């Protein structure tokens, strides 16, 4: 949160491109809506969302120009057990 709507929209393709280079994050989705940039991904190691949050923080700092404060938070985590034979 804390980015202008235009910067949020501009950030989406850059973040998707960056996360395409991170094969440990699967099914990455990113959207800018209602003043919030949301990024979600599937992985098998991040049960509290902090690793993804750290990676998002790094990517936003690298790709998005901002003048004001920005904030990041884990909005939610869903943990699924794997099925036998997967």
Protein backbone atom coordinates (compact mmCIF):
# COMPACT_ATOMS: atom_id res chain seq x y z
CA UNK A 1 0.00 0.00 0.00
CA UNK A 2 1.11 3.59 -0.47
CA UNK A 3 1.66 3.75 -4.24
CA UNK A 4 -0.37 5.79 -6.68
CA UNK A 5 -2.83 3.88 -8.83
CA UNK A 6 -0.75 4.59 -11.96
CA UNK A 7 2.42 3.25 -10.33
CA UNK A 8 0.56 0.20 -9.09
CA UNK A 9 -0.68 -0.61 -12.58
CA UNK A 10 2.77 0.02 -14.08
CA UNK A 11 4.37 -2.29 -11.49
CA UNK A 12 2.34 -5.39 -12.40
CA UNK A 13 4.18 -6.44 -15.59
CA UNK A 14 7.59 -5.71 -14.02
CA UNK A 15 6.80 -7.80 -10.96
CA UNK A 16 5.40 -10.66 -13.03
CA UNK A 17 8.54 -10.61 -15.16
CA UNK A 18 10.76 -10.60 -12.07
CA UNK A 19 8.89 -13.46 -10.42
CA UNK A 20 9.07 -15.49 -13.65
CA UNK A 21 12.80 -15.67 -12.85
CA UNK A 22 12.05 -17.24 -9.44
CA UNK A 23 11.01 -20.82 -10.22
CA UNK A 24 10.51 -21.67 -6.55
CA UNK A 25 7.45 -19.37 -6.60
CA UNK A 26 4.80 -21.02 -8.74
CA UNK A 27 1.48 -19.78 -10.15
CA UNK A 28 2.44 -16.17 -9.43
CA UNK A 29 -0.40 -13.69 -9.79
CA UNK A 30 -0.25 -9.95 -9.40
CA UNK A 31 -2.97 -7.33 -9.55
CA UNK A 32 -3.37 -3.66 -8.79
CA UNK A 33 -6.79 -2.83 -7.42
CA UNK A 34 -8.26 -0.22 -5.09
CA UNK A 35 -4.86 1.26 -4.25
CA UNK A 36 -3.30 -2.07 -3.30
CA UNK A 37 -0.82 -4.25 -5.15
CA UNK A 38 -1.49 -7.92 -4.42
CA UNK A 39 0.93 -10.68 -5.26
CA UNK A 40 0.20 -14.35 -4.64
CA UNK A 41 2.20 -17.47 -5.32
CA UNK A 42 2.37 -21.15 -4.47
CA UNK A 43 5.45 -22.71 -2.90
CA UNK A 44 6.35 -25.57 -0.60
CA UNK A 45 8.43 -23.75 2.01
CA UNK A 46 6.77 -20.54 3.17
CA UNK A 47 4.06 -21.43 5.69
CA UNK A 48 3.71 -17.88 7.04
CA UNK A 49 4.15 -15.81 3.86
CA UNK A 50 7.27 -13.99 5.06
CA UNK A 51 9.59 -15.32 2.34
CA UNK A 52 7.21 -14.16 -0.40
CA UNK A 53 6.77 -10.83 1.37
CA UNK A 54 10.56 -10.35 1.48
CA UNK A 55 10.86 -11.16 -2.22
CA UNK A 56 8.02 -8.77 -3.07
CA UNK A 57 9.67 -6.03 -1.01
CA UNK A 58 12.96 -6.52 -2.88
CA UNK A 59 11.24 -6.45 -6.28
CA UNK A 60 9.18 -3.33 -5.50
CA UNK A 61 12.28 -1.49 -4.28
CA UNK A 62 14.10 -2.47 -7.49
CA UNK A 63 11.34 -1.72 -10.01
CA UNK A 64 8.90 0.84 -8.62
CA UNK A 65 9.59 4.53 -8.11
CA UNK A 66 7.82 5.96 -5.09
CA UNK A 67 8.08 9.19 -3.13
CA UNK A 68 5.98 8.42 -0.09
CA UNK A 69 5.96 5.62 2.44
CA UNK A 70 4.92 2.23 1.24
CA UNK A 71 3.87 -0.62 3.44
CA UNK A 72 3.80 -4.35 2.98
CA UNK A 73 1.89 -7.03 4.85
CA UNK A 74 0.93 -10.64 4.48
CA UNK A 75 -2.78 -10.57 3.78
CA UNK A 76 -3.28 -14.30 4.20
CA UNK A 77 -1.70 -17.71 3.91
CA UNK A 78 -3.37 -20.94 2.95
CA UNK A 79 -1.52 -24.14 3.79
CA UNK A 80 -2.42 -27.27 1.89
CA UNK A 81 -1.13 -30.73 2.60
CA UNK A 82 0.16 -32.60 -0.40
CA UNK A 83 -1.60 -35.71 -1.58
CA UNK A 84 0.20 -39.04 -1.53
CA UNK A 85 1.60 -39.86 -4.94
CA UNK A 86 2.08 -36.24 -6.06
